[in-house]
Each structure stands twice: as structure tokens, then as C-alpha cells.
Amino acid sequence: MTYFPLDKWASKRAYRWPATAAVLTLSVLLVYGFMEQHDEAQDVEDARVQAQQQAQQEDTLQRLCGGAEAVYEQLPDGSIQCRMKNGRKSVKVKS
């Protein structure tokens, strides 16, 4: 005994193509939903990695400029100008 009688399904041809179309449509929508979730997760991961790299770069620049008491600014030529908290220039770092 079969659990899915193919001969009965084949005899009702009027319902075969709509059922097949419904199954295919649901499959496509399911795959689309999973891809949307994957894209969102990838965007979150990319943002996390970018923030981590930026924090690491800022930490490196802070250490190059002299630690927590120094601040830095980006110059138009791409270099970094370090300043002490009292406003005195300390170091110019080329990027």
C-alpha cells in the first residue's frame, strides 16, 4: 500500500498544475526569505568588522600621538597631525 496514491493524483489532472505551481511558488518564497535573512546577517557582520577596524586604527593613532593625553586630526594631504591637550603640535605622521 502506498501512502501517496499517484494514480488518483494523475486522474485529477485539473489540480495537478495549480498544486505544482503552489509548491514551486512557496519554495521560491522560502528561499527568498532565507536569502534576505542571510543578507541582513552579512550586513551586520560587515558593520561589526568595520567598526572593529576603525577602533583599532584610532587606538593605533592614539598610541602614535602619545597616548590618552594627545589628540589627532586628519590633514587634507592624508597625513595625521598629533597635538597635545595643551594645543602644542607633537608629531606629523604620514599615512
PDB file of N, CA and C in Angstrom:
ATOM      1  N   MET A   1       0.847  -1.182   0.000  1.00  0.00           N
ATOM      2  CA  MET A   1       0.000   0.000   0.000  1.00  0.00           C
ATOM      3  C   MET A   1       0.889   1.241   0.000  1.00  0.00           C
ATOM      4  N   THR A   2       0.575   2.122  -0.882  1.00  0.00           N
ATOM      5  CA  THR A   2       1.351   3.360  -0.943  1.00  0.00           C
ATOM      6  C   THR A   2       0.620   4.444  -0.171  1.00  0.00           C
ATOM      7  N   TYR A   3       1.415   5.316   0.402  1.00  0.00           N
ATOM      8  CA  TYR A   3       0.832   6.402   1.184  1.00  0.00           C
ATOM      9  C   TYR A   3       0.398   7.575   0.318  1.00  0.00           C
ATOM     10  N   PHE A   4       0.953   7.660  -0.860  1.00  0.00           N
ATOM     11  CA  PHE A   4       0.583   8.736  -1.771  1.00  0.00           C
ATOM     12  C   PHE A   4       0.158   8.107  -3.083  1.00  0.00           C
ATOM     13  N   PRO A   5      -1.111   7.931  -3.276  1.00  0.00           N
ATOM     14  CA  PRO A   5      -1.594   7.239  -4.482  1.00  0.00           C
ATOM     15  C   PRO A   5      -1.429   8.092  -5.735  1.00  0.00           C
ATOM     16  N   LEU A   6      -0.428   7.752  -6.538  1.00  0.00           N
ATOM     17  CA  LEU A   6      -0.140   8.514  -7.750  1.00  0.00           C
ATOM     18  C   LEU A   6      -1.229   8.356  -8.796  1.00  0.00           C
ATOM     19  N   ASP A   7      -1.855   7.219  -8.812  1.00  0.00           N
ATOM     20  CA  ASP A   7      -2.892   7.020  -9.828  1.00  0.00           C
ATOM     21  C   ASP A   7      -4.090   7.920  -9.572  1.00  0.00           C
ATOM     22  N   LYS A   8      -4.422   8.161  -8.305  1.00  0.00           N
ATOM     23  CA  LYS A   8      -5.526   9.080  -8.001  1.00  0.00           C
ATOM     24  C   LYS A   8      -5.124  10.511  -8.347  1.00  0.00           C
ATOM     25  N   TRP A   9      -3.897  10.846  -8.050  1.00  0.00           N
ATOM     26  CA  TRP A   9      -3.433  12.205  -8.333  1.00  0.00           C
ATOM     27  C   TRP A   9      -3.387  12.444  -9.840  1.00  0.00           C
ATOM     28  N   ALA A  10      -2.966  11.430 -10.585  1.00  0.00           N
ATOM     29  CA  ALA A  10      -2.883  11.565 -12.034  1.00  0.00           C
ATOM     30  C   ALA A  10      -4.274  11.639 -12.660  1.00  0.00           C
ATOM     31  N   SER A  11      -5.253  11.030 -12.016  1.00  0.00           N
ATOM     32  CA  SER A  11      -6.601  11.060 -12.591  1.00  0.00           C
ATOM     33  C   SER A  11      -7.261  12.416 -12.396  1.00  0.00           C
ATOM     34  N   LYS A  12      -6.824  13.182 -11.421  1.00  0.00           N
ATOM     35  CA  LYS A  12      -7.378  14.521 -11.178  1.00  0.00           C
ATOM     36  C   LYS A  12      -6.446  15.568 -11.785  1.00  0.00           C
ATOM     37  N   ARG A  13      -6.370  15.577 -13.089  1.00  0.00           N
ATOM     38  CA  ARG A  13      -5.441  16.455 -13.782  1.00  0.00           C
ATOM     39  C   ARG A  13      -5.757  17.930 -13.597  1.00  0.00           C
ATOM     40  N   ALA A  14      -6.941  18.248 -13.255  1.00  0.00           N
ATOM     41  CA  ALA A  14      -7.302  19.656 -13.111  1.00  0.00           C
ATOM     42  C   ALA A  14      -6.553  20.300 -11.953  1.00  0.00           C
ATOM     43  N   TYR A  15      -6.171  19.522 -10.962  1.00  0.00           N
ATOM     44  CA  TYR A  15      -5.492  20.076  -9.790  1.00  0.00           C
ATOM     45  C   TYR A  15      -3.976  19.894  -9.816  1.00  0.00           C
ATOM     46  N   ARG A  16      -3.453  19.203 -10.799  1.00  0.00           N
ATOM     47  CA  ARG A  16      -2.019  18.907 -10.806  1.00  0.00           C
ATOM     48  C   ARG A  16      -1.175  20.168 -10.985  1.00  0.00           C
ATOM     49  N   TRP A  17      -1.453  20.960 -12.012  1.00  0.00           N
ATOM     50  CA  TRP A  17      -0.611  22.119 -12.297  1.00  0.00           C
ATOM     51  C   TRP A  17      -0.759  23.232 -11.264  1.00  0.00           C
ATOM     52  N   PRO A  18      -1.962  23.523 -10.783  1.00  0.00           N
ATOM     53  CA  PRO A  18      -2.038  24.528  -9.712  1.00  0.00           C
ATOM     54  C   PRO A  18      -1.311  24.089  -8.443  1.00  0.00           C
ATOM     55  N   ALA A  19      -1.372  22.810  -8.115  1.00  0.00           N
ATOM     56  CA  ALA A  19      -0.660  22.312  -6.934  1.00  0.00           C
ATOM     57  C   ALA A  19       0.843  22.418  -7.139  1.00  0.00           C
ATOM     58  N   THR A  20       1.308  22.065  -8.318  1.00  0.00           N
ATOM     59  CA  THR A  20       2.732  22.169  -8.629  1.00  0.00           C
ATOM     60  C   THR A  20       3.183  23.634  -8.590  1.00  0.00           C
ATOM     61  N   ALA A  21       2.365  24.514  -9.160  1.00  0.00           N
ATOM     62  CA  ALA A  21       2.702  25.941  -9.147  1.00  0.00           C
ATOM     63  C   ALA A  21       2.739  26.478  -7.715  1.00  0.00           C
ATOM     64  N   ALA A  22       1.812  26.034  -6.875  1.00  0.00           N
ATOM     65  CA  ALA A  22       1.799  26.484  -5.476  1.00  0.00           C
ATOM     66  C   ALA A  22       3.043  26.010  -4.743  1.00  0.00           C
ATOM     67  N   VAL A  23       3.429  24.761  -4.966  1.00  0.00           N
ATOM     68  CA  VAL A  23       4.623  24.225  -4.317  1.00  0.00           C
ATOM     69  C   VAL A  23       5.866  24.980  -4.784  1.00  0.00           C
ATOM     70  N   LEU A  24       5.990  25.231  -6.064  1.00  0.00           N
ATOM     71  CA  LEU A  24       7.142  25.968  -6.579  1.00  0.00           C
ATOM     72  C   LEU A  24       7.166  27.408  -6.065  1.00  0.00           C
ATOM     73  N   THR A  25       6.012  28.047  -6.025  1.00  0.00           N
ATOM     74  CA  THR A  25       5.945  29.420  -5.520  1.00  0.00           C
ATOM     75  C   THR A  25       6.347  29.484  -4.058  1.00  0.00           C
ATOM     76  N   LEU A  26       5.842  28.573  -3.266  1.00  0.00           N
ATOM     77  CA  LEU A  26       6.214  28.552  -1.852  1.00  0.00           C
ATOM     78  C   LEU A  26       7.700  28.268  -1.666  1.00  0.00           C
ATOM     79  N   SER A  27       8.256  27.416  -2.505  1.00  0.00           N
ATOM     80  CA  SER A  27       9.688  27.118  -2.422  1.00  0.00           C
ATOM     81  C   SER A  27      10.518  28.362  -2.743  1.00  0.00           C
ATOM     82  N   VAL A  28      10.116  29.077  -3.778  1.00  0.00           N
ATOM     83  CA  VAL A  28      10.839  30.293  -4.154  1.00  0.00           C
ATOM     84  C   VAL A  28      10.740  31.336  -3.043  1.00  0.00           C
ATOM     85  N   LEU A  29       9.546  31.499  -2.470  1.00  0.00           N
ATOM     86  CA  LEU A  29       9.391  32.465  -1.385  1.00  0.00           C
ATOM     87  C   LEU A  29      10.201  32.073  -0.156  1.00  0.00           C
ATOM     88  N   LEU A  30      10.281  30.803   0.123  1.00  0.00           N
ATOM     89  CA  LEU A  30      11.066  30.331   1.259  1.00  0.00           C
ATOM     90  C   LEU A  30      12.552  30.607   1.046  1.00  0.00           C
ATOM     91  N   VAL A  31      13.051  30.329  -0.142  1.00  0.00           N
ATOM     92  CA  VAL A  31      14.459  30.607  -0.458  1.00  0.00           C
ATOM     93  C   VAL A  31      14.723  32.106  -0.408  1.00  0.00           C
ATOM     94  N   TYR A  32      13.798  32.907  -0.920  1.00  0.00           N
ATOM     95  CA  TYR A  32      13.944  34.360  -0.879  1.00  0.00           C
ATOM     96  C   TYR A  32      14.011  34.859   0.563  1.00  0.00           C
ATOM     97  N   GLY A  33      13.168  34.321   1.431  1.00  0.00           N
ATOM     98  CA  GLY A  33      13.188  34.706   2.838  1.00  0.00           C
ATOM     99  C   GLY A  33      14.509  34.371   3.505  1.00  0.00           C
ATOM    100  N   PHE A  34      15.036  33.190   3.225  1.00  0.00           N
ATOM    101  CA  PHE A  34      16.333  32.819   3.799  1.00  0.00           C
ATOM    102  C   PHE A  34      17.444  33.705   3.269  1.00  0.00           C
ATOM    103  N   MET A  35      17.385  34.087   2.000  1.00  0.00           N
ATOM    104  CA  MET A  35      18.419  34.948   1.429  1.00  0.00           C
ATOM    105  C   MET A  35      18.355  36.344   2.044  1.00  0.00           C
ATOM    106  N   GLU A  36      17.160  36.854   2.319  1.00  0.00           N
ATOM    107  CA  GLU A  36      17.025  38.153   2.975  1.00  0.00           C
ATOM    108  C   GLU A  36      17.654  38.120   4.363  1.00  0.00           C
ATOM    109  N   GLN A  37      17.388  37.058   5.108  1.00  0.00           N
ATOM    110  CA  GLN A  37      17.978  36.927   6.441  1.00  0.00           C
ATOM    111  C   GLN A  37      19.494  36.836   6.348  1.00  0.00           C
ATOM    112  N   HIS A  38      19.985  36.107   5.367  1.00  0.00           N
ATOM    113  CA  HIS A  38      21.431  35.963   5.194  1.00  0.00           C
ATOM    114  C   HIS A  38      22.063  37.316   4.851  1.00  0.00           C
ATOM    115  N   ASP A  39      21.404  38.089   3.983  1.00  0.00           N
ATOM    116  CA  ASP A  39      21.926  39.406   3.613  1.00  0.00           C
ATOM    117  C   ASP A  39      21.964  40.341   4.822  1.00  0.00           C
ATOM    118  N   GLU A  40      20.909  40.319   5.640  1.00  0.00           N
ATOM    119  CA  GLU A  40      20.886  41.158   6.834  1.00  0.00           C
ATOM    120  C   GLU A  40      21.985  40.756   7.813  1.00  0.00           C
ATOM    121  N   ALA A  41      22.168  39.460   7.991  1.00  0.00           N
ATOM    122  CA  ALA A  41      23.217  38.988   8.894  1.00  0.00           C
ATOM    123  C   ALA A  41      24.594  39.371   8.366  1.00  0.00           C
ATOM    124  N   GLN A  42      24.776  39.312   7.065  1.00  0.00           N
ATOM    125  CA  GLN A  42      26.062  39.693   6.466  1.00  0.00           C
ATOM    126  C   GLN A  42      26.310  41.185   6.636  1.00  0.00           C
ATOM    127  N   ASP A  43      25.260  42.005   6.490  1.00  0.00           N
ATOM    128  CA  ASP A  43      25.408  43.446   6.687  1.00  0.00           C
ATOM    129  C   ASP A  43      25.794  43.768   8.128  1.00  0.00           C
ATOM    130  N   VAL A  44      25.185  43.077   9.075  1.00  0.00           N
ATOM    131  CA  VAL A  44      25.519  43.297  10.490  1.00  0.00           C
ATOM    132  C   VAL A  44      26.968  42.892  10.753  1.00  0.00           C
ATOM    133  N   GLU A  45      27.381  41.775  10.188  1.00  0.00           N
ATOM    134  CA  GLU A  45      28.764  41.306  10.375  1.00  0.00           C
ATOM    135  C   GLU A  45      29.752  42.284   9.740  1.00  0.00           C
ATOM    136  N   ASP A  46      29.434  42.794   8.545  1.00  0.00           N
ATOM    137  CA  ASP A  46      30.316  43.769   7.893  1.00  0.00           C
ATOM    138  C   ASP A  46      30.438  45.044   8.714  1.00  0.00           C
ATOM    139  N   ALA A  47      29.329  45.508   9.275  1.00  0.00           N
ATOM    140  CA  ALA A  47      29.360  46.713  10.102  1.00  0.00           C
ATOM    141  C   ALA A  47      30.182  46.484  11.363  1.00  0.00           C
ATOM    142  N   ARG A  48      30.071  45.295  11.954  1.00  0.00           N
ATOM    143  CA  ARG A  48      30.850  44.976  13.155  1.00  0.00           C
ATOM    144  C   ARG A  48      32.337  44.960  12.840  1.00  0.00           C
ATOM    145  N   VAL A  49      32.701  44.337  11.742  1.00  0.00           N
ATOM    146  CA  VAL A  49      34.121  44.260  11.355  1.00  0.00           C
ATOM    147  C   VAL A  49      34.663  45.654  11.041  1.00  0.00           C
ATOM    148  N   GLN A  50      33.865  46.471  10.353  1.00  0.00           N
ATOM    149  CA  GLN A  50      34.313  47.820  10.028  1.00  0.00           C
ATOM    150  C   GLN A  50      34.498  48.655  11.299  1.00  0.00           C
ATOM    151  N   ALA A  51      33.580  48.537  12.241  1.00  0.00           N
ATOM    152  CA  ALA A  51      33.708  49.278  13.498  1.00  0.00           C
ATOM    153  C   ALA A  51      34.932  48.813  14.283  1.00  0.00           C
ATOM    154  N   GLN A  52      35.187  47.523  14.255  1.00  0.00           N
ATOM    155  CA  GLN A  52      36.349  46.982  14.957  1.00  0.00           C
ATOM    156  C   GLN A  52      37.641  47.490  14.317  1.00  0.00           C
ATOM    157  N   GLN A  53      37.702  47.519  12.987  1.00  0.00           N
ATOM    158  CA  GLN A  53      38.890  48.022  12.307  1.00  0.00           C
ATOM    159  C   GLN A  53      39.088  49.513  12.571  1.00  0.00           C
ATOM    160  N   GLN A  54      38.002  50.275  12.579  1.00  0.00           N
ATOM    161  CA  GLN A  54      38.111  51.705  12.842  1.00  0.00           C
ATOM    162  C   GLN A  54      38.587  51.958  14.272  1.00  0.00           C
ATOM    163  N   ALA A  55      38.072  51.190  15.222  1.00  0.00           N
ATOM    164  CA  ALA A  55      38.504  51.343  16.610  1.00  0.00           C
ATOM    165  C   ALA A  55      39.984  50.987  16.757  1.00  0.00           C
ATOM    166  N   GLN A  56      40.416  49.947  16.054  1.00  0.00           N
ATOM    167  CA  GLN A  56      41.820  49.555  16.110  1.00  0.00           C
ATOM    168  C   GLN A  56      42.702  50.636  15.485  1.00  0.00           C
ATOM    169  N   GLN A  57      42.245  51.230  14.378  1.00  0.00           N
ATOM    170  CA  GLN A  57      43.016  52.300  13.739  1.00  0.00           C
ATOM    171  C   GLN A  57      43.098  53.521  14.651  1.00  0.00           C
ATOM    172  N   GLU A  58      41.990  53.873  15.283  1.00  0.00           N
ATOM    173  CA  GLU A  58      42.005  55.015  16.199  1.00  0.00           C
ATOM    174  C   GLU A  58      42.916  54.754  17.388  1.00  0.00           C
ATOM    175  N   ASP A  59      42.911  53.537  17.889  1.00  0.00           N
ATOM    176  CA  ASP A  59      43.788  53.177  19.010  1.00  0.00           C
ATOM    177  C   ASP A  59      45.256  53.285  18.598  1.00  0.00           C
ATOM    178  N   THR A  60      45.563  52.811  17.400  1.00  0.00           N
ATOM    179  CA  THR A  60      46.937  52.893  16.895  1.00  0.00           C
ATOM    180  C   THR A  60      47.370  54.354  16.737  1.00  0.00           C
ATOM    181  N   LEU A  61      46.497  55.181  16.179  1.00  0.00           N
ATOM    182  CA  LEU A  61      46.821  56.604  16.023  1.00  0.00           C
ATOM    183  C   LEU A  61      46.983  57.285  17.373  1.00  0.00           C
ATOM    184  N   GLN A  62      46.144  56.908  18.330  1.00  0.00           N
ATOM    185  CA  GLN A  62      46.251  57.490  19.669  1.00  0.00           C
ATOM    186  C   GLN A  62      47.595  57.134  20.298  1.00  0.00           C
ATOM    187  N   ARG A  63      48.029  55.873  20.129  1.00  0.00           N
ATOM    188  CA  ARG A  63      49.334  55.467  20.672  1.00  0.00           C
ATOM    189  C   ARG A  63      50.471  56.154  19.942  1.00  0.00           C
ATOM    190  N   LEU A  64      50.360  56.331  18.615  1.00  0.00           N
ATOM    191  CA  LEU A  64      51.399  57.039  17.859  1.00  0.00           C
ATOM    192  C   LEU A  64      51.518  58.493  18.293  1.00  0.00           C
ATOM    193  N   CYS A  65      50.410  59.094  18.646  1.00  0.00           N
ATOM    194  CA  CYS A  65      50.405  60.508  19.020  1.00  0.00           C
ATOM    195  C   CYS A  65      50.846  60.733  20.459  1.00  0.00           C
ATOM    196  N   GLY A  66      50.966  59.730  21.251  1.00  0.00           N
ATOM    197  CA  GLY A  66      51.471  59.929  22.596  1.00  0.00           C
ATOM    198  C   GLY A  66      50.551  59.471  23.705  1.00  0.00           C
ATOM    199  N   GLY A  67      49.530  58.725  23.383  1.00  0.00           N
ATOM    200  CA  GLY A  67      48.678  58.185  24.438  1.00  0.00           C
ATOM    201  C   GLY A  67      47.389  58.959  24.617  1.00  0.00           C
ATOM    202  N   ALA A  68      46.809  58.807  25.807  1.00  0.00           N
ATOM    203  CA  ALA A  68      45.484  59.365  26.075  1.00  0.00           C
ATOM    204  C   ALA A  68      45.487  60.882  26.153  1.00  0.00           C
ATOM    205  N   GLU A  69      46.643  61.500  26.424  1.00  0.00           N
ATOM    206  CA  GLU A  69      46.679  62.956  26.552  1.00  0.00           C
ATOM    207  C   GLU A  69      46.817  63.661  25.209  1.00  0.00           C
ATOM    208  N   ALA A  70      46.938  62.926  24.111  1.00  0.00           N
ATOM    209  CA  ALA A  70      47.101  63.526  22.792  1.00  0.00           C
ATOM    210  C   ALA A  70      45.837  63.320  21.956  1.00  0.00           C
ATOM    211  N   VAL A  71      45.622  64.252  21.062  1.00  0.00           N
ATOM    212  CA  VAL A  71      44.528  64.151  20.096  1.00  0.00           C
ATOM    213  C   VAL A  71      45.142  64.246  18.707  1.00  0.00           C
ATOM    214  N   TYR A  72      44.416  63.797  17.724  1.00  0.00           N
ATOM    215  CA  TYR A  72      44.948  63.848  16.366  1.00  0.00           C
ATOM    216  C   TYR A  72      43.883  64.390  15.432  1.00  0.00           C
ATOM    217  N   GLU A  73      44.358  64.923  14.291  1.00  0.00           N
ATOM    218  CA  GLU A  73      43.442  65.418  13.275  1.00  0.00           C
ATOM    219  C   GLU A  73      43.962  65.001  11.907  1.00  0.00           C
ATOM    220  N   GLN A  74      43.042  64.733  10.999  1.00  0.00           N
ATOM    221  CA  GLN A  74      43.378  64.329   9.635  1.00  0.00           C
ATOM    222  C   GLN A  74      43.617  65.593   8.814  1.00  0.00           C
ATOM    223  N   LEU A  75      44.765  65.701   8.162  1.00  0.00           N
ATOM    224  CA  LEU A  75      45.091  66.835   7.313  1.00  0.00           C
ATOM    225  C   LEU A  75      44.654  66.550   5.881  1.00  0.00           C
ATOM    226  N   PRO A  76      44.452  67.583   5.065  1.00  0.00           N
ATOM    227  CA  PRO A  76      43.980  67.377   3.685  1.00  0.00           C
ATOM    228  C   PRO A  76      44.923  66.538   2.824  1.00  0.00           C
ATOM    229  N   ASP A  77      46.220  66.534   3.124  1.00  0.00           N
ATOM    230  CA  ASP A  77      47.160  65.755   2.314  1.00  0.00           C
ATOM    231  C   ASP A  77      47.194  64.279   2.714  1.00  0.00           C
ATOM    232  N   GLY A  78      46.370  63.878   3.658  1.00  0.00           N
ATOM    233  CA  GLY A  78      46.292  62.479   4.062  1.00  0.00           C
ATOM    234  C   GLY A  78      47.123  62.134   5.271  1.00  0.00           C
ATOM    235  N   SER A  79      47.904  63.066   5.757  1.00  0.00           N
ATOM    236  CA  SER A  79      48.723  62.789   6.937  1.00  0.00           C
ATOM    237  C   SER A  79      47.934  63.118   8.204  1.00  0.00           C
ATOM    238  N   ILE A  80      48.484  62.701   9.327  1.00  0.00           N
ATOM    239  CA  ILE A  80      47.852  62.905  10.624  1.00  0.00           C
ATOM    240  C   ILE A  80      48.716  63.866  11.436  1.00  0.00           C
ATOM    241  N   GLN A  81      48.095  64.903  11.986  1.00  0.00           N
ATOM    242  CA  GLN A  81      48.809  65.846  12.853  1.00  0.00           C
ATOM    243  C   GLN A  81      48.407  65.556  14.293  1.00  0.00           C
ATOM    244  N   CYS A  82      49.388  65.238  15.113  1.00  0.00           N
ATOM    245  CA  CYS A  82      49.126  64.961  16.524  1.00  0.00           C
ATOM    246  C   CYS A  82      49.296  66.255  17.329  1.00  0.00           C
ATOM    247  N   ARG A  83      48.433  66.443  18.296  1.00  0.00           N
ATOM    248  CA  ARG A  83      48.506  67.610  19.180  1.00  0.00           C
ATOM    249  C   ARG A  83      48.361  67.129  20.618  1.00  0.00           C
ATOM    250  N   MET A  84      49.080  67.791  21.474  1.00  0.00           N
ATOM    251  CA  MET A  84      48.923  67.514  22.900  1.00  0.00           C
ATOM    252  C   MET A  84      47.680  68.249  23.376  1.00  0.00           C
ATOM    253  N   LYS A  85      47.198  67.925  24.546  1.00  0.00           N
ATOM    254  CA  LYS A  85      45.968  68.558  25.034  1.00  0.00           C
ATOM    255  C   LYS A  85      46.140  70.053  25.265  1.00  0.00           C
ATOM    256  N   ASN A  86      47.360  70.509  25.480  1.00  0.00           N
ATOM    257  CA  ASN A  86      47.580  71.946  25.669  1.00  0.00           C
ATOM    258  C   ASN A  86      47.625  72.693  24.340  1.00  0.00           C
ATOM    259  N   GLY A  87      47.470  71.982  23.197  1.00  0.00           N
ATOM    260  CA  GLY A  87      47.422  72.609  21.881  1.00  0.00           C
ATOM    261  C   GLY A  87      48.725  72.588  21.137  1.00  0.00           C
ATOM    262  N   ARG A  88      49.799  72.165  21.769  1.00  0.00           N
ATOM    263  CA  ARG A  88      51.117  72.128  21.146  1.00  0.00           C
ATOM    264  C   ARG A  88      51.182  70.961  20.163  1.00  0.00           C
ATOM    265  N   LYS A  89      51.735  71.215  18.969  1.00  0.00           N
ATOM    266  CA  LYS A  89      51.890  70.150  17.979  1.00  0.00           C
ATOM    267  C   LYS A  89      52.980  69.202  18.442  1.00  0.00           C
ATOM    268  N   SER A  90      52.732  67.914  18.259  1.00  0.00           N
ATOM    269  CA  SER A  90      53.744  66.953  18.708  1.00  0.00           C
ATOM    270  C   SER A  90      54.388  66.221  17.531  1.00  0.00           C
ATOM    271  N   VAL A  91      53.619  65.550  16.716  1.00  0.00           N
ATOM    272  CA  VAL A  91      54.181  64.715  15.652  1.00  0.00           C
ATOM    273  C   VAL A  91      53.288  64.829  14.420  1.00  0.00           C
ATOM    274  N   LYS A  92      53.895  64.742  13.224  1.00  0.00           N
ATOM    275  CA  LYS A  92      53.131  64.647  11.983  1.00  0.00           C
ATOM    276  C   LYS A  92      53.404  63.268  11.405  1.00  0.00           C
ATOM    277  N   VAL A  93      52.372  62.467  11.261  1.00  0.00           N
ATOM    278  CA  VAL A  93      52.509  61.084  10.800  1.00  0.00           C
ATOM    279  C   VAL A  93      51.963  61.000   9.380  1.00  0.00           C
ATOM    280  N   LYS A  94      52.778  60.470   8.469  1.00  0.00           N
ATOM    281  CA  LYS A  94      52.337  60.252   7.095  1.00  0.00           C
ATOM    282  C   LYS A  94      51.560  58.949   7.019  1.00  0.00           C
ATOM    283  N   SER A  95      50.440  58.965   6.304  1.00  0.00           N
ATOM    284  CA  SER A  95      49.648  57.749   6.126  1.00  0.00           C
ATOM    285  C   SER A  95      50.027  57.043   4.857  1.00  0.00           C
TER     286      SER A  95
END
